[in-house]
Amino acid sequence: MPCMLIFALIRKPASAFAEKLNCYHDMLWPWTFSVYISFILITWIQLEMVFLQAVSWLHTFYMLLAIAILFVALLPTVRVQYRKPV
């Protein structure tokens, strides 16, 4: 899914199905899905650490990666680039 999302972020293709899942109606669906993916990754890693009752360096790496994805997606310049044309 993340690899397809990279392609979608670059090409910005139209998708009726993806638009139905887009809760930010003023933004393109690839941007919204990058926010979804970051929250899913954060939740997944948190649950994994709770159930394993351990923290590996990989957990830290993927948690920082998810936070970085979310941070970059929420930058004002990125939001302007992925705003739907009026």
PDB file of N, CA and C in Angstrom:
ATOM      1  N   MET A   1       0.811  -1.196   0.000  1.00  0.00           N
ATOM      2  CA  MET A   1       0.000   0.000   0.000  1.00  0.00           C
ATOM      3  C   MET A   1       0.862   1.272   0.000  1.00  0.00           C
ATOM      4  N   PRO A   2       1.879   1.373   0.846  1.00  0.00           N
ATOM      5  CA  PRO A   2       2.694   2.586   0.809  1.00  0.00           C
ATOM      6  C   PRO A   2       3.381   2.823  -0.540  1.00  0.00           C
ATOM      7  N   CYS A   3       3.782   1.754  -1.214  1.00  0.00           N
ATOM      8  CA  CYS A   3       4.425   1.927  -2.537  1.00  0.00           C
ATOM      9  C   CYS A   3       3.433   2.459  -3.553  1.00  0.00           C
ATOM     10  N   MET A   4       2.206   1.962  -3.525  1.00  0.00           N
ATOM     11  CA  MET A   4       1.173   2.482  -4.423  1.00  0.00           C
ATOM     12  C   MET A   4       0.838   3.928  -4.074  1.00  0.00           C
ATOM     13  N   LEU A   5       0.903   4.248  -2.795  1.00  0.00           N
ATOM     14  CA  LEU A   5       0.623   5.605  -2.353  1.00  0.00           C
ATOM     15  C   LEU A   5       1.690   6.578  -2.844  1.00  0.00           C
ATOM     16  N   ILE A   6       2.932   6.156  -2.880  1.00  0.00           N
ATOM     17  CA  ILE A   6       3.998   7.009  -3.424  1.00  0.00           C
ATOM     18  C   ILE A   6       3.710   7.321  -4.887  1.00  0.00           C
ATOM     19  N   PHE A   7       3.322   6.300  -5.641  1.00  0.00           N
ATOM     20  CA  PHE A   7       2.960   6.498  -7.046  1.00  0.00           C
ATOM     21  C   PHE A   7       1.795   7.480  -7.160  1.00  0.00           C
ATOM     22  N   ALA A   8       0.790   7.328  -6.310  1.00  0.00           N
ATOM     23  CA  ALA A   8      -0.384   8.209  -6.343  1.00  0.00           C
ATOM     24  C   ALA A   8      -0.029   9.640  -5.944  1.00  0.00           C
ATOM     25  N   LEU A   9       0.880   9.798  -5.010  1.00  0.00           N
ATOM     26  CA  LEU A   9       1.295  11.142  -4.612  1.00  0.00           C
ATOM     27  C   LEU A   9       2.034  11.854  -5.744  1.00  0.00           C
ATOM     28  N   ILE A  10       2.772  11.095  -6.534  1.00  0.00           N
ATOM     29  CA  ILE A  10       3.515  11.688  -7.645  1.00  0.00           C
ATOM     30  C   ILE A  10       2.599  11.977  -8.829  1.00  0.00           C
ATOM     31  N   ARG A  11       1.769  11.008  -9.195  1.00  0.00           N
ATOM     32  CA  ARG A  11       0.943  11.126 -10.399  1.00  0.00           C
ATOM     33  C   ARG A  11      -0.401  11.816 -10.166  1.00  0.00           C
ATOM     34  N   LYS A  12      -0.918  11.763  -8.943  1.00  0.00           N
ATOM     35  CA  LYS A  12      -2.220  12.338  -8.576  1.00  0.00           C
ATOM     36  C   LYS A  12      -3.358  11.834  -9.470  1.00  0.00           C
ATOM     37  N   PRO A  13      -3.530  10.508  -9.561  1.00  0.00           N
ATOM     38  CA  PRO A  13      -4.585   9.972 -10.421  1.00  0.00           C
ATOM     39  C   PRO A  13      -5.966  10.160  -9.791  1.00  0.00           C
ATOM     40  N   ALA A  14      -6.977  10.162 -10.632  1.00  0.00           N
ATOM     41  CA  ALA A  14      -8.355  10.240 -10.148  1.00  0.00           C
ATOM     42  C   ALA A  14      -8.828   8.833  -9.785  1.00  0.00           C
ATOM     43  N   SER A  15      -9.574   8.724  -8.700  1.00  0.00           N
ATOM     44  CA  SER A  15     -10.120   7.441  -8.277  1.00  0.00           C
ATOM     45  C   SER A  15     -11.427   7.690  -7.540  1.00  0.00           C
ATOM     46  N   ALA A  16     -12.518   7.230  -8.114  1.00  0.00           N
ATOM     47  CA  ALA A  16     -13.829   7.431  -7.497  1.00  0.00           C
ATOM     48  C   ALA A  16     -13.935   6.680  -6.173  1.00  0.00           C
ATOM     49  N   PHE A  17     -13.383   5.458  -6.119  1.00  0.00           N
ATOM     50  CA  PHE A  17     -13.444   4.680  -4.891  1.00  0.00           C
ATOM     51  C   PHE A  17     -12.643   5.341  -3.777  1.00  0.00           C
ATOM     52  N   ALA A  18     -11.433   5.788  -4.097  1.00  0.00           N
ATOM     53  CA  ALA A  18     -10.589   6.434  -3.085  1.00  0.00           C
ATOM     54  C   ALA A  18     -11.217   7.732  -2.608  1.00  0.00           C
ATOM     55  N   GLU A  19     -11.875   8.452  -3.497  1.00  0.00           N
ATOM     56  CA  GLU A  19     -12.531   9.701  -3.101  1.00  0.00           C
ATOM     57  C   GLU A  19     -13.672   9.454  -2.123  1.00  0.00           C
ATOM     58  N   LYS A  20     -14.309   8.287  -2.213  1.00  0.00           N
ATOM     59  CA  LYS A  20     -15.382   7.957  -1.263  1.00  0.00           C
ATOM     60  C   LYS A  20     -14.826   7.773   0.145  1.00  0.00           C
ATOM     61  N   LEU A  21     -13.576   7.333   0.244  1.00  0.00           N
ATOM     62  CA  LEU A  21     -12.932   7.129   1.549  1.00  0.00           C
ATOM     63  C   LEU A  21     -12.201   8.368   2.049  1.00  0.00           C
ATOM     64  N   ASN A  22     -12.192   9.427   1.261  1.00  0.00           N
ATOM     65  CA  ASN A  22     -11.486  10.660   1.590  1.00  0.00           C
ATOM     66  C   ASN A  22     -12.352  11.517   2.500  1.00  0.00           C
ATOM     67  N   CYS A  23     -11.933  11.697   3.748  1.00  0.00           N
ATOM     68  CA  CYS A  23     -12.728  12.513   4.678  1.00  0.00           C
ATOM     69  C   CYS A  23     -12.370  14.002   4.585  1.00  0.00           C
ATOM     70  N   TYR A  24     -11.275  14.338   3.925  1.00  0.00           N
ATOM     71  CA  TYR A  24     -10.903  15.738   3.700  1.00  0.00           C
ATOM     72  C   TYR A  24     -11.300  16.100   2.273  1.00  0.00           C
ATOM     73  N   HIS A  25     -12.473  16.642   2.099  1.00  0.00           N
ATOM     74  CA  HIS A  25     -13.027  16.866   0.773  1.00  0.00           C
ATOM     75  C   HIS A  25     -12.320  17.977  -0.001  1.00  0.00           C
ATOM     76  N   ASP A  26     -11.536  18.807   0.681  1.00  0.00           N
ATOM     77  CA  ASP A  26     -10.799  19.860  -0.021  1.00  0.00           C
ATOM     78  C   ASP A  26      -9.400  19.418  -0.450  1.00  0.00           C
ATOM     79  N   MET A  27      -9.010  18.190  -0.081  1.00  0.00           N
ATOM     80  CA  MET A  27      -7.675  17.676  -0.394  1.00  0.00           C
ATOM     81  C   MET A  27      -7.790  16.490  -1.346  1.00  0.00           C
ATOM     82  N   LEU A  28      -6.732  16.253  -2.122  1.00  0.00           N
ATOM     83  CA  LEU A  28      -6.691  15.088  -2.997  1.00  0.00           C
ATOM     84  C   LEU A  28      -6.564  13.817  -2.159  1.00  0.00           C
ATOM     85  N   TRP A  29      -7.084  12.725  -2.683  1.00  0.00           N
ATOM     86  CA  TRP A  29      -7.099  11.492  -1.904  1.00  0.00           C
ATOM     87  C   TRP A  29      -5.706  10.938  -1.565  1.00  0.00           C
ATOM     88  N   PRO A  30      -4.671  11.095  -2.401  1.00  0.00           N
ATOM     89  CA  PRO A  30      -3.358  10.561  -1.971  1.00  0.00           C
ATOM     90  C   PRO A  30      -2.828  11.229  -0.704  1.00  0.00           C
ATOM     91  N   TRP A  31      -3.090  12.529  -0.556  1.00  0.00           N
ATOM     92  CA  TRP A  31      -2.651  13.224   0.653  1.00  0.00           C
ATOM     93  C   TRP A  31      -3.373  12.655   1.870  1.00  0.00           C
ATOM     94  N   THR A  32      -4.682  12.489   1.746  1.00  0.00           N
ATOM     95  CA  THR A  32      -5.472  11.960   2.856  1.00  0.00           C
ATOM     96  C   THR A  32      -5.016  10.554   3.225  1.00  0.00           C
ATOM     97  N   PHE A  33      -4.733   9.742   2.219  1.00  0.00           N
ATOM     98  CA  PHE A  33      -4.293   8.386   2.501  1.00  0.00           C
ATOM     99  C   PHE A  33      -2.918   8.356   3.161  1.00  0.00           C
ATOM    100  N   SER A  34      -2.069   9.323   2.889  1.00  0.00           N
ATOM    101  CA  SER A  34      -0.775   9.367   3.582  1.00  0.00           C
ATOM    102  C   SER A  34      -0.976   9.661   5.070  1.00  0.00           C
ATOM    103  N   VAL A  35      -1.961  10.482   5.385  1.00  0.00           N
ATOM    104  CA  VAL A  35      -2.293  10.730   6.799  1.00  0.00           C
ATOM    105  C   VAL A  35      -2.864   9.455   7.424  1.00  0.00           C
ATOM    106  N   TYR A  36      -3.768   8.780   6.691  1.00  0.00           N
ATOM    107  CA  TYR A  36      -4.315   7.508   7.181  1.00  0.00           C
ATOM    108  C   TYR A  36      -3.204   6.502   7.463  1.00  0.00           C
ATOM    109  N   ILE A  37      -2.272   6.356   6.503  1.00  0.00           N
ATOM    110  CA  ILE A  37      -1.193   5.381   6.647  1.00  0.00           C
ATOM    111  C   ILE A  37      -0.326   5.689   7.871  1.00  0.00           C
ATOM    112  N   SER A  38      -0.050   6.962   8.101  1.00  0.00           N
ATOM    113  CA  SER A  38       0.782   7.305   9.255  1.00  0.00           C
ATOM    114  C   SER A  38       0.082   6.963  10.567  1.00  0.00           C
ATOM    115  N   PHE A  39      -1.217   7.250  10.664  1.00  0.00           N
ATOM    116  CA  PHE A  39      -1.951   6.896  11.884  1.00  0.00           C
ATOM    117  C   PHE A  39      -2.063   5.385  12.055  1.00  0.00           C
ATOM    118  N   ILE A  40      -2.260   4.667  10.966  1.00  0.00           N
ATOM    119  CA  ILE A  40      -2.326   3.202  11.038  1.00  0.00           C
ATOM    120  C   ILE A  40      -0.989   2.635  11.500  1.00  0.00           C
ATOM    121  N   LEU A  41       0.108   3.167  10.982  1.00  0.00           N
ATOM    122  CA  LEU A  41       1.432   2.689  11.375  1.00  0.00           C
ATOM    123  C   LEU A  41       1.716   2.994  12.849  1.00  0.00           C
ATOM    124  N   ILE A  42       1.359   4.177  13.300  1.00  0.00           N
ATOM    125  CA  ILE A  42       1.551   4.521  14.715  1.00  0.00           C
ATOM    126  C   ILE A  42       0.749   3.578  15.604  1.00  0.00           C
ATOM    127  N   THR A  43      -0.506   3.343  15.250  1.00  0.00           N
ATOM    128  CA  THR A  43      -1.359   2.442  16.034  1.00  0.00           C
ATOM    129  C   THR A  43      -0.807   1.025  16.028  1.00  0.00           C
ATOM    130  N   TRP A  44      -0.390   0.545  14.858  1.00  0.00           N
ATOM    131  CA  TRP A  44       0.158  -0.808  14.734  1.00  0.00           C
ATOM    132  C   TRP A  44       1.388  -0.987  15.626  1.00  0.00           C
ATOM    133  N   ILE A  45       2.307  -0.048  15.561  1.00  0.00           N
ATOM    134  CA  ILE A  45       3.536  -0.163  16.353  1.00  0.00           C
ATOM    135  C   ILE A  45       3.232  -0.090  17.849  1.00  0.00           C
ATOM    136  N   GLN A  46       2.324   0.795  18.228  1.00  0.00           N
ATOM    137  CA  GLN A  46       1.948   0.889  19.643  1.00  0.00           C
ATOM    138  C   GLN A  46       1.357  -0.429  20.142  1.00  0.00           C
ATOM    139  N   LEU A  47       0.440  -0.992  19.370  1.00  0.00           N
ATOM    140  CA  LEU A  47      -0.164  -2.266  19.781  1.00  0.00           C
ATOM    141  C   LEU A  47       0.870  -3.388  19.818  1.00  0.00           C
ATOM    142  N   GLU A  48       1.759  -3.395  18.868  1.00  0.00           N
ATOM    143  CA  GLU A  48       2.810  -4.411  18.850  1.00  0.00           C
ATOM    144  C   GLU A  48       3.687  -4.322  20.094  1.00  0.00           C
ATOM    145  N   MET A  49       4.049  -3.114  20.490  1.00  0.00           N
ATOM    146  CA  MET A  49       4.884  -2.945  21.687  1.00  0.00           C
ATOM    147  C   MET A  49       4.123  -3.354  22.946  1.00  0.00           C
ATOM    148  N   VAL A  50       2.829  -3.067  22.982  1.00  0.00           N
ATOM    149  CA  VAL A  50       2.030  -3.445  24.159  1.00  0.00           C
ATOM    150  C   VAL A  50       1.918  -4.964  24.264  1.00  0.00           C
ATOM    151  N   PHE A  51       1.589  -5.625  23.144  1.00  0.00           N
ATOM    152  CA  PHE A  51       1.409  -7.071  23.189  1.00  0.00           C
ATOM    153  C   PHE A  51       2.718  -7.825  23.400  1.00  0.00           C
ATOM    154  N   LEU A  52       3.805  -7.324  22.828  1.00  0.00           N
ATOM    155  CA  LEU A  52       5.101  -7.975  23.027  1.00  0.00           C
ATOM    156  C   LEU A  52       5.749  -7.584  24.347  1.00  0.00           C
ATOM    157  N   GLN A  53       5.310  -6.486  24.910  1.00  0.00           N
ATOM    158  CA  GLN A  53       5.892  -5.908  26.123  1.00  0.00           C
ATOM    159  C   GLN A  53       7.398  -5.752  25.974  1.00  0.00           C
ATOM    160  N   ALA A  54       7.775  -5.226  24.815  1.00  0.00           N
ATOM    161  CA  ALA A  54       9.187  -4.978  24.517  1.00  0.00           C
ATOM    162  C   ALA A  54       9.267  -3.883  23.473  1.00  0.00           C
ATOM    163  N   VAL A  55      10.423  -3.227  23.453  1.00  0.00           N
ATOM    164  CA  VAL A  55      10.666  -2.196  22.456  1.00  0.00           C
ATOM    165  C   VAL A  55      11.984  -2.508  21.762  1.00  0.00           C
ATOM    166  N   SER A  56      11.902  -2.679  20.470  1.00  0.00           N
ATOM    167  CA  SER A  56      13.085  -2.953  19.657  1.00  0.00           C
ATOM    168  C   SER A  56      13.495  -1.664  18.949  1.00  0.00           C
ATOM    169  N   TRP A  57      14.691  -1.645  18.403  1.00  0.00           N
ATOM    170  CA  TRP A  57      15.122  -0.472  17.639  1.00  0.00           C
ATOM    171  C   TRP A  57      14.259  -0.317  16.392  1.00  0.00           C
ATOM    172  N   LEU A  58      13.709  -1.422  15.868  1.00  0.00           N
ATOM    173  CA  LEU A  58      12.813  -1.339  14.714  1.00  0.00           C
ATOM    174  C   LEU A  58      11.506  -0.625  15.062  1.00  0.00           C
ATOM    175  N   HIS A  59      11.000  -0.867  16.272  1.00  0.00           N
ATOM    176  CA  HIS A  59       9.803  -0.156  16.707  1.00  0.00           C
ATOM    177  C   HIS A  59      10.058   1.348  16.715  1.00  0.00           C
ATOM    178  N   THR A  60      11.192   1.726  17.253  1.00  0.00           N
ATOM    179  CA  THR A  60      11.544   3.142  17.309  1.00  0.00           C
ATOM    180  C   THR A  60      11.694   3.720  15.906  1.00  0.00           C
ATOM    181  N   PHE A  61      12.351   2.981  15.019  1.00  0.00           N
ATOM    182  CA  PHE A  61      12.550   3.445  13.648  1.00  0.00           C
ATOM    183  C   PHE A  61      11.214   3.664  12.944  1.00  0.00           C
ATOM    184  N   TYR A  62      10.313   2.675  13.012  1.00  0.00           N
ATOM    185  CA  TYR A  62       9.039   2.800  12.314  1.00  0.00           C
ATOM    186  C   TYR A  62       8.123   3.833  12.967  1.00  0.00           C
ATOM    187  N   MET A  63       8.236   4.003  14.259  1.00  0.00           N
ATOM    188  CA  MET A  63       7.450   5.054  14.927  1.00  0.00           C
ATOM    189  C   MET A  63       7.925   6.428  14.462  1.00  0.00           C
ATOM    190  N   LEU A  64       9.234   6.624  14.405  1.00  0.00           N
ATOM    191  CA  LEU A  64       9.770   7.899  13.915  1.00  0.00           C
ATOM    192  C   LEU A  64       9.436   8.114  12.442  1.00  0.00           C
ATOM    193  N   LEU A  65       9.428   7.045  11.655  1.00  0.00           N
ATOM    194  CA  LEU A  65       9.045   7.146  10.248  1.00  0.00           C
ATOM    195  C   LEU A  65       7.585   7.579  10.109  1.00  0.00           C
ATOM    196  N   ALA A  66       6.705   7.002  10.890  1.00  0.00           N
ATOM    197  CA  ALA A  66       5.288   7.371  10.839  1.00  0.00           C
ATOM    198  C   ALA A  66       5.079   8.820  11.264  1.00  0.00           C
ATOM    199  N   ILE A  67       5.791   9.250  12.287  1.00  0.00           N
ATOM    200  CA  ILE A  67       5.683  10.643  12.733  1.00  0.00           C
ATOM    201  C   ILE A  67       6.229  11.580  11.669  1.00  0.00           C
ATOM    202  N   ALA A  68       7.312  11.180  11.002  1.00  0.00           N
ATOM    203  CA  ALA A  68       7.881  12.005   9.928  1.00  0.00           C
ATOM    204  C   ALA A  68       6.911  12.112   8.750  1.00  0.00           C
ATOM    205  N   ILE A  69       6.266  11.010   8.384  1.00  0.00           N
ATOM    206  CA  ILE A  69       5.281  11.040   7.300  1.00  0.00           C
ATOM    207  C   ILE A  69       4.150  11.997   7.653  1.00  0.00           C
ATOM    208  N   LEU A  70       3.647  11.910   8.857  1.00  0.00           N
ATOM    209  CA  LEU A  70       2.565  12.788   9.296  1.00  0.00           C
ATOM    210  C   LEU A  70       3.015  14.241   9.326  1.00  0.00           C
ATOM    211  N   PHE A  71       4.215  14.486   9.842  1.00  0.00           N
ATOM    212  CA  PHE A  71       4.744  15.850   9.917  1.00  0.00           C
ATOM    213  C   PHE A  71       4.877  16.466   8.530  1.00  0.00           C
ATOM    214  N   VAL A  72       5.442  15.713   7.595  1.00  0.00           N
ATOM    215  CA  VAL A  72       5.626  16.227   6.238  1.00  0.00           C
ATOM    216  C   VAL A  72       4.273  16.450   5.565  1.00  0.00           C
ATOM    217  N   ALA A  73       3.336  15.538   5.751  1.00  0.00           N
ATOM    218  CA  ALA A  73       2.017  15.686   5.132  1.00  0.00           C
ATOM    219  C   ALA A  73       1.287  16.922   5.645  1.00  0.00           C
ATOM    220  N   LEU A  74       1.526  17.301   6.886  1.00  0.00           N
ATOM    221  CA  LEU A  74       0.816  18.437   7.476  1.00  0.00           C
ATOM    222  C   LEU A  74       1.519  19.779   7.264  1.00  0.00           C
ATOM    223  N   LEU A  75       2.671  19.770   6.617  1.00  0.00           N
ATOM    224  CA  LEU A  75       3.347  21.028   6.311  1.00  0.00           C
ATOM    225  C   LEU A  75       2.459  21.878   5.391  1.00  0.00           C
ATOM    226  N   PRO A  76       2.390  23.180   5.629  1.00  0.00           N
ATOM    227  CA  PRO A  76       1.531  24.036   4.794  1.00  0.00           C
ATOM    228  C   PRO A  76       1.863  23.986   3.308  1.00  0.00           C
ATOM    229  N   THR A  77       3.139  23.910   2.952  1.00  0.00           N
ATOM    230  CA  THR A  77       3.501  23.867   1.531  1.00  0.00           C
ATOM    231  C   THR A  77       3.032  22.570   0.874  1.00  0.00           C
ATOM    232  N   VAL A  78       3.059  21.483   1.610  1.00  0.00           N
ATOM    233  CA  VAL A  78       2.592  20.204   1.073  1.00  0.00           C
ATOM    234  C   VAL A  78       1.074  20.236   0.940  1.00  0.00           C
ATOM    235  N   ARG A  79       0.409  20.789   1.939  1.00  0.00           N
ATOM    236  CA  ARG A  79      -1.059  20.868   1.876  1.00  0.00           C
ATOM    237  C   ARG A  79      -1.514  21.708   0.682  1.00  0.00           C
ATOM    238  N   VAL A  80      -0.807  22.777   0.380  1.00  0.00           N
ATOM    239  CA  VAL A  80      -1.166  23.602  -0.777  1.00  0.00           C
ATOM    240  C   VAL A  80      -0.996  22.809  -2.062  1.00  0.00           C
ATOM    241  N   GLN A  81       0.047  22.014  -2.144  1.00  0.00           N
ATOM    242  CA  GLN A  81       0.323  21.249  -3.359  1.00  0.00           C
ATOM    243  C   GLN A  81      -0.743  20.192  -3.613  1.00  0.00           C
ATOM    244  N   TYR A  82      -1.349  19.652  -2.564  1.00  0.00           N
ATOM    245  CA  TYR A  82      -2.339  18.582  -2.723  1.00  0.00           C
ATOM    246  C   TYR A  82      -3.777  19.050  -2.483  1.00  0.00           C
ATOM    247  N   ARG A  83      -3.992  20.340  -2.479  1.00  0.00           N
ATOM    248  CA  ARG A  83      -5.346  20.867  -2.385  1.00  0.00           C
ATOM    249  C   ARG A  83      -6.052  20.665  -3.715  1.00  0.00           C
ATOM    250  N   LYS A  84      -7.337  20.314  -3.668  1.00  0.00           N
ATOM    251  CA  LYS A  84      -8.097  20.112  -4.903  1.00  0.00           C
ATOM    252  C   LYS A  84      -8.257  21.420  -5.645  1.00  0.00           C
ATOM    253  N   PRO A  85      -8.146  21.361  -6.962  1.00  0.00           N
ATOM    254  CA  PRO A  85      -8.369  22.596  -7.723  1.00  0.00           C
ATOM    255  C   PRO A  85      -9.837  23.015  -7.635  1.00  0.00           C
ATOM    256  N   VAL A  86     -10.042  24.294  -7.575  1.00  0.00           N
ATOM    257  CA  VAL A  86     -11.418  24.808  -7.421  1.00  0.00           C
ATOM    258  C   VAL A  86     -12.103  24.942  -8.743  1.00  0.00           C
TER     259      VAL A  86
END
